[in-house]
Amino acid sequence: MLELYHHALSTCSQKVRLVLAEKGLDFESRIVDLIAGGQHAPDYVKLNPNHVVPTLVHDGTVLIESSLINEYLDDAFPDPPLRPADPAARHALRLWVKRIDEKVHPSASVLTFAIGARPAVLAQPEEVRQANIEAIPDPGHRAARRSVIEHGVDAPEFAGALGRFLDLLDVMQASLAPDRWLSGDAFGLADAAVLPYVLRLDHLAMTPLLDARPAVADWYARVQARPSFETAVTAWAPEPIVKLFRGNGEAVWPQVEPLTRR
């Protein structure tokens, strides 16, 4: 039995749901409301002491960290394989995942809370907002969250975070060949790892950044055409929230666009 504690628009939840869908695996859904602070609830923290989603429970075994969860799924359910057999190709795949985990993902919450989620958070009672911020275990992440909620795209953290997304897009543009995947000849764990962050730019109305990079735009369209995208992403994305994110992004695009010029 597979139980997934996740959130509809969480990037890390999306990447795990993509792998589950690619492998045709059903799961029991356990939604964690990140805006309301469900990730800080004592019962959930017992499962995931990092106060983040997703958490996968497989026959009683608790698994955390989305990239490691995806490797576990590929080991536990090897058909179809989502990693190439060639060791050098596996190394290349892991470099994409490493870039996401170390450089891009820490920046995703900056962009998301500076633009998409900021109005909803500001609408919360002050004591609720501050309690959720104070519950973030890492002091650096806590300070960044407070800063972007207060200042939005004018926060000092924003330009650097956006730059790391631009770096990702530029590396993708230089690396992708027609009909090829980031994981090699076939869609795999690298593509599942990267997709949620390209999707986040789209949801935040930064689609011109994708359109300006034809190889990235082609890859994104091919991912969206896969049945797993409908199952793992579209079916879970609340249209009103996506519309809200995109509207918020469009509102601040005049401030954001100059920061994208290189």
C-alpha atoms as a PDB file:
ATOM      1  CA  MET A   1       0.000   0.000   0.000  1.00  0.00           C
ATOM      2  CA  LEU A   2       1.233   3.462  -0.952  1.00  0.00           C
ATOM      3  CA  GLU A   3       0.162   6.563   0.963  1.00  0.00           C
ATOM      4  CA  LEU A   4       1.288   9.958  -0.280  1.00  0.00           C
ATOM      5  CA  TYR A   5       1.212  13.031   1.937  1.00  0.00           C
ATOM      6  CA  HIS A   6       1.363  15.882  -0.569  1.00  0.00           C
ATOM      7  CA  HIS A   7       0.019  19.216  -1.772  1.00  0.00           C
ATOM      8  CA  ALA A   8      -1.560  19.877  -5.137  1.00  0.00           C
ATOM      9  CA  LEU A   9       0.838  22.618  -6.293  1.00  0.00           C
ATOM     10  CA  SER A  10       3.943  21.607  -4.348  1.00  0.00           C
ATOM     11  CA  THR A  11       6.846  21.165  -6.776  1.00  0.00           C
ATOM     12  CA  CYS A  12       8.253  18.206  -4.877  1.00  0.00           C
ATOM     13  CA  SER A  13       4.826  16.583  -4.676  1.00  0.00           C
ATOM     14  CA  GLN A  14       4.398  17.014  -8.426  1.00  0.00           C
ATOM     15  CA  LYS A  15       7.670  15.257  -9.214  1.00  0.00           C
ATOM     16  CA  VAL A  16       6.740  12.240  -7.078  1.00  0.00           C
ATOM     17  CA  ARG A  17       3.225  12.078  -8.523  1.00  0.00           C
ATOM     18  CA  LEU A  18       4.776  12.129 -12.015  1.00  0.00           C
ATOM     19  CA  VAL A  19       6.865   9.065 -11.215  1.00  0.00           C
ATOM     20  CA  LEU A  20       3.907   7.287  -9.648  1.00  0.00           C
ATOM     21  CA  ALA A  21       1.857   8.033 -12.766  1.00  0.00           C
ATOM     22  CA  GLU A  22       4.606   6.935 -15.154  1.00  0.00           C
ATOM     23  CA  LYS A  23       4.711   3.616 -13.325  1.00  0.00           C
ATOM     24  CA  GLY A  24       0.938   3.280 -13.155  1.00  0.00           C
ATOM     25  CA  LEU A  25       0.932   3.153  -9.355  1.00  0.00           C
ATOM     26  CA  ASP A  26      -2.158   4.019  -7.329  1.00  0.00           C
ATOM     27  CA  PHE A  27      -1.839   5.693  -3.935  1.00  0.00           C
ATOM     28  CA  GLU A  28      -3.938   6.827  -1.026  1.00  0.00           C
ATOM     29  CA  SER A  29      -3.937  10.624  -1.052  1.00  0.00           C
ATOM     30  CA  ARG A  30      -3.272  12.570   2.144  1.00  0.00           C
ATOM     31  CA  ILE A  31      -3.445  16.307   1.421  1.00  0.00           C
ATOM     32  CA  VAL A  32      -1.290  18.621   3.544  1.00  0.00           C
ATOM     33  CA  ASP A  33      -2.450  22.256   3.486  1.00  0.00           C
ATOM     34  CA  LEU A  34       0.803  24.195   3.241  1.00  0.00           C
ATOM     35  CA  ILE A  35      -0.769  27.658   3.371  1.00  0.00           C
ATOM     36  CA  ALA A  36      -2.618  26.790   6.580  1.00  0.00           C
ATOM     37  CA  GLY A  37       0.550  25.277   8.092  1.00  0.00           C
ATOM     38  CA  GLY A  38      -0.432  21.615   7.947  1.00  0.00           C
ATOM     39  CA  GLN A  39       3.207  20.666   7.418  1.00  0.00           C
ATOM     40  CA  HIS A  40       3.916  21.889  10.960  1.00  0.00           C
ATOM     41  CA  ALA A  41       1.200  19.796  12.627  1.00  0.00           C
ATOM     42  CA  PRO A  42       2.735  17.545  15.304  1.00  0.00           C
ATOM     43  CA  ASP A  43       1.358  14.330  13.811  1.00  0.00           C
ATOM     44  CA  TYR A  44       2.788  15.189  10.411  1.00  0.00           C
ATOM     45  CA  VAL A  45       6.159  16.254  11.806  1.00  0.00           C
ATOM     46  CA  LYS A  46       6.445  12.779  13.342  1.00  0.00           C
ATOM     47  CA  LEU A  47       6.450  11.471   9.775  1.00  0.00           C
ATOM     48  CA  ASN A  48       8.537  14.226   8.248  1.00  0.00           C
ATOM     49  CA  PRO A  49      10.692  16.164  10.733  1.00  0.00           C
ATOM     50  CA  ASN A  50      11.688  18.586   7.961  1.00  0.00           C
ATOM     51  CA  HIS A  51       8.163  20.085   7.907  1.00  0.00           C
ATOM     52  CA  VAL A  52       7.881  19.624   4.123  1.00  0.00           C
ATOM     53  CA  VAL A  53       5.987  17.527   1.601  1.00  0.00           C
ATOM     54  CA  PRO A  54       5.878  14.976   0.167  1.00  0.00           C
ATOM     55  CA  THR A  55       6.123  11.979   2.451  1.00  0.00           C
ATOM     56  CA  LEU A  56       5.513   8.502   1.036  1.00  0.00           C
ATOM     57  CA  VAL A  57       4.523   5.579   3.233  1.00  0.00           C
ATOM     58  CA  HIS A  58       4.966   2.180   1.578  1.00  0.00           C
ATOM     59  CA  ASP A  59       3.651  -0.751   3.569  1.00  0.00           C
ATOM     60  CA  GLY A  60       4.475   1.081   6.775  1.00  0.00           C
ATOM     61  CA  THR A  61       7.926   2.316   5.713  1.00  0.00           C
ATOM     62  CA  VAL A  62       8.159   6.120   5.837  1.00  0.00           C
ATOM     63  CA  LEU A  63      10.118   7.759   3.027  1.00  0.00           C
ATOM     64  CA  ILE A  64      11.032  11.443   2.771  1.00  0.00           C
ATOM     65  CA  GLU A  65      12.952  13.699   0.354  1.00  0.00           C
ATOM     66  CA  SER A  66      11.321  13.704  -3.082  1.00  0.00           C
ATOM     67  CA  SER A  67      14.412  12.857  -5.135  1.00  0.00           C
ATOM     68  CA  LEU A  68      15.174   9.909  -2.882  1.00  0.00           C
ATOM     69  CA  ILE A  69      11.526   8.849  -2.963  1.00  0.00           C
ATOM     70  CA  ASN A  70      11.684   8.760  -6.757  1.00  0.00           C
ATOM     71  CA  GLU A  71      14.836   6.620  -6.707  1.00  0.00           C
ATOM     72  CA  TYR A  72      13.126   4.329  -4.210  1.00  0.00           C
ATOM     73  CA  LEU A  73      10.113   3.991  -6.491  1.00  0.00           C
ATOM     74  CA  ASP A  74      12.354   3.147  -9.428  1.00  0.00           C
ATOM     75  CA  ASP A  75      14.051   0.468  -7.321  1.00  0.00           C
ATOM     76  CA  ALA A  76      10.880  -0.941  -5.769  1.00  0.00           C
ATOM     77  CA  PHE A  77       8.817  -0.826  -8.973  1.00  0.00           C
ATOM     78  CA  PRO A  78      11.376  -1.192 -11.789  1.00  0.00           C
ATOM     79  CA  ASP A  79       8.937  -1.444 -14.696  1.00  0.00           C
ATOM     80  CA  PRO A  80       9.146   0.796 -16.613  1.00  0.00           C
ATOM     81  CA  PRO A  81      12.655   1.937 -15.642  1.00  0.00           C
ATOM     82  CA  LEU A  82      13.098   5.689 -15.293  1.00  0.00           C
ATOM     83  CA  ARG A  83      16.901   5.648 -15.172  1.00  0.00           C
ATOM     84  CA  PRO A  84      19.167   4.632 -18.058  1.00  0.00           C
ATOM     85  CA  ALA A  85      21.225   1.471 -17.738  1.00  0.00           C
ATOM     86  CA  ASP A  86      24.483   3.117 -18.829  1.00  0.00           C
ATOM     87  CA  PRO A  87      26.503   4.363 -15.799  1.00  0.00           C
ATOM     88  CA  ALA A  88      27.616   7.569 -17.542  1.00  0.00           C
ATOM     89  CA  ALA A  89      24.044   8.363 -18.528  1.00  0.00           C
ATOM     90  CA  ARG A  90      22.932   7.756 -14.923  1.00  0.00           C
ATOM     91  CA  HIS A  91      25.615  10.176 -13.762  1.00  0.00           C
ATOM     92  CA  ALA A  92      24.300  12.811 -16.179  1.00  0.00           C
ATOM     93  CA  LEU A  93      20.779  12.237 -14.871  1.00  0.00           C
ATOM     94  CA  ARG A  94      21.926  12.681 -11.285  1.00  0.00           C
ATOM     95  CA  LEU A  95      23.607  15.987 -12.183  1.00  0.00           C
ATOM     96  CA  TRP A  96      20.204  17.366 -13.247  1.00  0.00           C
ATOM     97  CA  VAL A  97      18.604  16.170 -10.034  1.00  0.00           C
ATOM     98  CA  LYS A  98      21.479  17.598  -7.984  1.00  0.00           C
ATOM     99  CA  ARG A  99      21.085  21.002  -9.687  1.00  0.00           C
ATOM    100  CA  ILE A 100      17.389  21.015  -8.846  1.00  0.00           C
ATOM    101  CA  ASP A 101      17.875  19.963  -5.224  1.00  0.00           C
ATOM    102  CA  GLU A 102      20.777  22.282  -4.434  1.00  0.00           C
ATOM    103  CA  LYS A 103      20.199  25.384  -6.567  1.00  0.00           C
ATOM    104  CA  VAL A 104      16.715  25.598  -8.014  1.00  0.00           C
ATOM    105  CA  HIS A 105      14.426  24.205  -5.340  1.00  0.00           C
ATOM    106  CA  PRO A 106      15.588  26.595  -2.562  1.00  0.00           C
ATOM    107  CA  SER A 107      14.740  29.426  -4.971  1.00  0.00           C
ATOM    108  CA  ALA A 108      11.299  28.082  -5.857  1.00  0.00           C
ATOM    109  CA  SER A 109       9.698  29.089  -2.577  1.00  0.00           C
ATOM    110  CA  VAL A 110      11.128  32.603  -2.999  1.00  0.00           C
ATOM    111  CA  LEU A 111       9.416  33.036  -6.369  1.00  0.00           C
ATOM    112  CA  THR A 112       6.236  31.297  -5.246  1.00  0.00           C
ATOM    113  CA  PHE A 113       5.716  33.269  -2.048  1.00  0.00           C
ATOM    114  CA  ALA A 114       6.889  36.571  -3.534  1.00  0.00           C
ATOM    115  CA  ILE A 115       4.274  36.312  -6.292  1.00  0.00           C
ATOM    116  CA  GLY A 116       1.775  33.468  -6.273  1.00  0.00           C
ATOM    117  CA  ALA A 117       0.990  32.796  -2.624  1.00  0.00           C
ATOM    118  CA  ARG A 118       1.750  36.216  -1.158  1.00  0.00           C
ATOM    119  CA  PRO A 119      -1.787  37.704  -1.300  1.00  0.00           C
ATOM    120  CA  ALA A 120      -3.293  34.636   0.393  1.00  0.00           C
ATOM    121  CA  VAL A 121      -0.662  34.693   3.122  1.00  0.00           C
ATOM    122  CA  LEU A 122      -1.096  38.421   3.710  1.00  0.00           C
ATOM    123  CA  ALA A 123      -4.826  37.830   4.079  1.00  0.00           C
ATOM    124  CA  GLN A 124      -4.245  35.541   7.055  1.00  0.00           C
ATOM    125  CA  PRO A 125      -4.448  36.893  10.591  1.00  0.00           C
ATOM    126  CA  GLU A 126      -1.078  38.245  11.664  1.00  0.00           C
ATOM    127  CA  GLU A 127      -0.658  35.687  14.424  1.00  0.00           C
ATOM    128  CA  VAL A 128      -1.327  32.791  12.030  1.00  0.00           C
ATOM    129  CA  ARG A 129       1.096  34.151   9.449  1.00  0.00           C
ATOM    130  CA  GLN A 130       3.870  34.674  11.969  1.00  0.00           C
ATOM    131  CA  ALA A 131       3.324  31.290  13.625  1.00  0.00           C
ATOM    132  CA  ASN A 132       3.680  29.500  10.292  1.00  0.00           C
ATOM    133  CA  ILE A 133       6.851  31.423   9.481  1.00  0.00           C
ATOM    134  CA  GLU A 134       8.349  30.747  12.906  1.00  0.00           C
ATOM    135  CA  ALA A 135       7.627  27.024  12.494  1.00  0.00           C
ATOM    136  CA  ILE A 136      10.026  26.771   9.503  1.00  0.00           C
ATOM    137  CA  PRO A 137      12.979  24.842  10.994  1.00  0.00           C
ATOM    138  CA  ASP A 138      15.808  26.307   8.900  1.00  0.00           C
ATOM    139  CA  PRO A 139      16.622  29.890   9.992  1.00  0.00           C
ATOM    140  CA  GLY A 140      17.753  30.913   6.508  1.00  0.00           C
ATOM    141  CA  HIS A 141      14.554  29.678   4.909  1.00  0.00           C
ATOM    142  CA  ARG A 142      12.583  31.307   7.705  1.00  0.00           C
ATOM    143  CA  ALA A 143      14.218  34.692   7.108  1.00  0.00           C
ATOM    144  CA  ALA A 144      13.726  34.441   3.338  1.00  0.00           C
ATOM    145  CA  ARG A 145      10.051  33.575   3.740  1.00  0.00           C
ATOM    146  CA  ARG A 146       9.471  36.554   6.029  1.00  0.00           C
ATOM    147  CA  SER A 147      11.303  38.830   3.594  1.00  0.00           C
ATOM    148  CA  VAL A 148       9.390  37.824   0.458  1.00  0.00           C
ATOM    149  CA  ILE A 149       6.033  37.921   2.235  1.00  0.00           C
ATOM    150  CA  GLU A 150       6.816  41.456   3.390  1.00  0.00           C
ATOM    151  CA  HIS A 151       8.439  42.815   0.217  1.00  0.00           C
ATOM    152  CA  GLY A 152       7.280  40.611  -2.681  1.00  0.00           C
ATOM    153  CA  VAL A 153       9.434  40.889  -5.816  1.00  0.00           C
ATOM    154  CA  ASP A 154      11.290  43.798  -4.225  1.00  0.00           C
ATOM    155  CA  ALA A 155      12.735  41.453  -1.589  1.00  0.00           C
ATOM    156  CA  PRO A 156      16.541  41.264  -1.783  1.00  0.00           C
ATOM    157  CA  GLU A 157      16.332  37.484  -2.241  1.00  0.00           C
ATOM    158  CA  PHE A 158      14.163  37.656  -5.349  1.00  0.00           C
ATOM    159  CA  ALA A 159      16.629  38.601  -8.098  1.00  0.00           C
ATOM    160  CA  GLY A 160      19.101  35.893  -7.108  1.00  0.00           C
ATOM    161  CA  ALA A 161      16.373  33.261  -6.957  1.00  0.00           C
ATOM    162  CA  LEU A 162      15.107  34.257 -10.385  1.00  0.00           C
ATOM    163  CA  GLY A 163      18.671  34.110 -11.690  1.00  0.00           C
ATOM    164  CA  ARG A 164      19.014  30.491 -10.642  1.00  0.00           C
ATOM    165  CA  PHE A 165      15.866  29.653 -12.608  1.00  0.00           C
ATOM    166  CA  LEU A 166      17.304  31.467 -15.624  1.00  0.00           C
ATOM    167  CA  ASP A 167      20.510  29.461 -15.265  1.00  0.00           C
ATOM    168  CA  LEU A 168      18.455  26.261 -15.347  1.00  0.00           C
ATOM    169  CA  LEU A 169      16.620  27.325 -18.504  1.00  0.00           C
ATOM    170  CA  ASP A 170      19.861  28.297 -20.232  1.00  0.00           C
ATOM    171  CA  VAL A 171      21.514  24.973 -19.419  1.00  0.00           C
ATOM    172  CA  MET A 172      18.427  23.128 -20.643  1.00  0.00           C
ATOM    173  CA  GLN A 173      18.418  25.114 -23.874  1.00  0.00           C
ATOM    174  CA  ALA A 174      22.075  24.251 -24.492  1.00  0.00           C
ATOM    175  CA  SER A 175      21.653  20.574 -23.588  1.00  0.00           C
ATOM    176  CA  LEU A 176      18.392  19.459 -25.154  1.00  0.00           C
ATOM    177  CA  ALA A 177      18.352  17.958 -28.622  1.00  0.00           C
ATOM    178  CA  PRO A 178      15.160  17.317 -30.648  1.00  0.00           C
ATOM    179  CA  ASP A 179      13.175  14.349 -29.356  1.00  0.00           C
ATOM    180  CA  ARG A 180      15.671  13.826 -26.528  1.00  0.00           C
ATOM    181  CA  TRP A 181      14.953  13.956 -22.812  1.00  0.00           C
ATOM    182  CA  LEU A 182      17.002  15.260 -19.913  1.00  0.00           C
ATOM    183  CA  SER A 183      17.205  11.631 -18.739  1.00  0.00           C
ATOM    184  CA  GLY A 184      18.541  10.408 -22.104  1.00  0.00           C
ATOM    185  CA  ASP A 185      16.610   8.527 -24.771  1.00  0.00           C
ATOM    186  CA  ALA A 186      13.455   8.237 -22.672  1.00  0.00           C
ATOM    187  CA  PHE A 187      11.538  10.301 -20.131  1.00  0.00           C
ATOM    188  CA  GLY A 188      12.949   9.622 -16.677  1.00  0.00           C
ATOM    189  CA  LEU A 189      13.776  10.890 -13.220  1.00  0.00           C
ATOM    190  CA  ALA A 190      15.646  13.975 -14.451  1.00  0.00           C
ATOM    191  CA  ASP A 191      12.630  15.125 -16.459  1.00  0.00           C
ATOM    192  CA  ALA A 192      10.316  14.468 -13.504  1.00  0.00           C
ATOM    193  CA  ALA A 193      12.665  16.484 -11.275  1.00  0.00           C
ATOM    194  CA  VAL A 194      12.857  19.500 -13.598  1.00  0.00           C
ATOM    195  CA  LEU A 195       9.278  19.706 -14.841  1.00  0.00           C
ATOM    196  CA  PRO A 196       7.679  21.237 -11.698  1.00  0.00           C
ATOM    197  CA  TYR A 197      10.058  24.202 -11.785  1.00  0.00           C
ATOM    198  CA  VAL A 198       9.457  24.985 -15.449  1.00  0.00           C
ATOM    199  CA  LEU A 199       5.755  24.589 -14.715  1.00  0.00           C
ATOM    200  CA  ARG A 200       6.051  27.026 -11.805  1.00  0.00           C
ATOM    201  CA  LEU A 201       7.439  29.700 -14.134  1.00  0.00           C
ATOM    202  CA  ASP A 202       4.496  29.098 -16.458  1.00  0.00           C
ATOM    203  CA  HIS A 203       2.008  29.304 -13.587  1.00  0.00           C
ATOM    204  CA  LEU A 204       3.585  32.586 -12.455  1.00  0.00           C
ATOM    205  CA  ALA A 205       3.109  34.097 -15.944  1.00  0.00           C
ATOM    206  CA  MET A 206       6.807  33.889 -16.850  1.00  0.00           C
ATOM    207  CA  THR A 207       5.996  31.892 -19.989  1.00  0.00           C
ATOM    208  CA  PRO A 208       7.954  34.367 -22.208  1.00  0.00           C
ATOM    209  CA  LEU A 209      11.116  32.956 -20.629  1.00  0.00           C
ATOM    210  CA  LEU A 210      10.194  29.519 -21.979  1.00  0.00           C
ATOM    211  CA  ASP A 211       9.087  30.777 -25.386  1.00  0.00           C
ATOM    212  CA  ALA A 212      12.452  32.507 -25.816  1.00  0.00           C
ATOM    213  CA  ARG A 213      14.204  29.128 -25.535  1.00  0.00           C
ATOM    214  CA  PRO A 214      12.842  26.842 -28.291  1.00  0.00           C
ATOM    215  CA  ALA A 215      14.417  23.626 -27.028  1.00  0.00           C
ATOM    216  CA  VAL A 216      12.951  24.219 -23.566  1.00  0.00           C
ATOM    217  CA  ALA A 217       9.540  25.073 -24.996  1.00  0.00           C
ATOM    218  CA  ASP A 218       9.586  21.900 -27.129  1.00  0.00           C
ATOM    219  CA  TRP A 219      10.576  19.736 -24.132  1.00  0.00           C
ATOM    220  CA  TYR A 220       7.868  21.335 -21.990  1.00  0.00           C
ATOM    221  CA  ALA A 221       5.230  20.673 -24.644  1.00  0.00           C
ATOM    222  CA  ARG A 222       6.307  17.035 -24.917  1.00  0.00           C
ATOM    223  CA  VAL A 223       6.078  16.561 -21.142  1.00  0.00           C
ATOM    224  CA  GLN A 224       2.622  18.139 -21.099  1.00  0.00           C
ATOM    225  CA  ALA A 225       1.511  15.734 -23.826  1.00  0.00           C
ATOM    226  CA  ARG A 226       2.333  12.671 -21.720  1.00  0.00           C
ATOM    227  CA  PRO A 227      -0.604  10.935 -20.008  1.00  0.00           C
ATOM    228  CA  SER A 228       1.278  11.184 -16.706  1.00  0.00           C
ATOM    229  CA  PHE A 229       1.078  14.992 -16.848  1.00  0.00           C
ATOM    230  CA  GLU A 230      -2.711  14.907 -16.846  1.00  0.00           C
ATOM    231  CA  THR A 231      -2.756  12.329 -14.048  1.00  0.00           C
ATOM    232  CA  ALA A 232      -0.073  13.840 -11.834  1.00  0.00           C
ATOM    233  CA  VAL A 233      -0.337  17.582 -12.476  1.00  0.00           C
ATOM    234  CA  THR A 234      -3.449  18.807 -14.267  1.00  0.00           C
ATOM    235  CA  ALA A 235      -5.874  16.642 -12.327  1.00  0.00           C
ATOM    236  CA  TRP A 236      -4.507  17.968  -9.031  1.00  0.00           C
ATOM    237  CA  ALA A 237      -4.054  21.642  -9.914  1.00  0.00           C
ATOM    238  CA  PRO A 238      -7.047  23.698  -8.720  1.00  0.00           C
ATOM    239  CA  GLU A 239      -7.881  25.930 -11.669  1.00  0.00           C
ATOM    240  CA  PRO A 240      -8.857  28.907  -9.453  1.00  0.00           C
ATOM    241  CA  ILE A 241      -5.468  28.774  -7.718  1.00  0.00           C
ATOM    242  CA  VAL A 242      -3.557  28.462 -10.992  1.00  0.00           C
ATOM    243  CA  LYS A 243      -5.564  31.386 -12.360  1.00  0.00           C
ATOM    244  CA  LEU A 244      -4.768  33.372  -9.212  1.00  0.00           C
ATOM    245  CA  PHE A 245      -1.039  32.591  -9.475  1.00  0.00           C
ATOM    246  CA  ARG A 246      -0.991  33.583 -13.144  1.00  0.00           C
ATOM    247  CA  GLY A 247      -2.896  36.777 -12.463  1.00  0.00           C
ATOM    248  CA  ASN A 248      -0.500  37.704  -9.669  1.00  0.00           C
ATOM    249  CA  GLY A 249       2.414  37.004 -12.005  1.00  0.00           C
ATOM    250  CA  GLU A 250       0.983  39.146 -14.764  1.00  0.00           C
ATOM    251  CA  ALA A 251       0.522  42.003 -12.294  1.00  0.00           C
ATOM    252  CA  VAL A 252       4.204  42.066 -11.317  1.00  0.00           C
ATOM    253  CA  TRP A 253       5.691  41.087 -14.717  1.00  0.00           C
ATOM    254  CA  PRO A 254       6.630  44.736 -15.512  1.00  0.00           C
ATOM    255  CA  GLN A 255       8.833  44.659 -12.386  1.00  0.00           C
ATOM    256  CA  VAL A 256      10.133  41.148 -13.011  1.00  0.00           C
ATOM    257  CA  GLU A 257      10.901  41.366 -16.739  1.00  0.00           C
ATOM    258  CA  PRO A 258      13.880  43.724 -16.410  1.00  0.00           C
ATOM    259  CA  LEU A 259      15.493  41.248 -14.002  1.00  0.00           C
ATOM    260  CA  THR A 260      15.363  38.541 -16.694  1.00  0.00           C
ATOM    261  CA  ARG A 261      17.502  40.418 -19.241  1.00  0.00           C
ATOM    262  CA  ARG A 262      20.973  39.022 -19.784  1.00  0.00           C
END
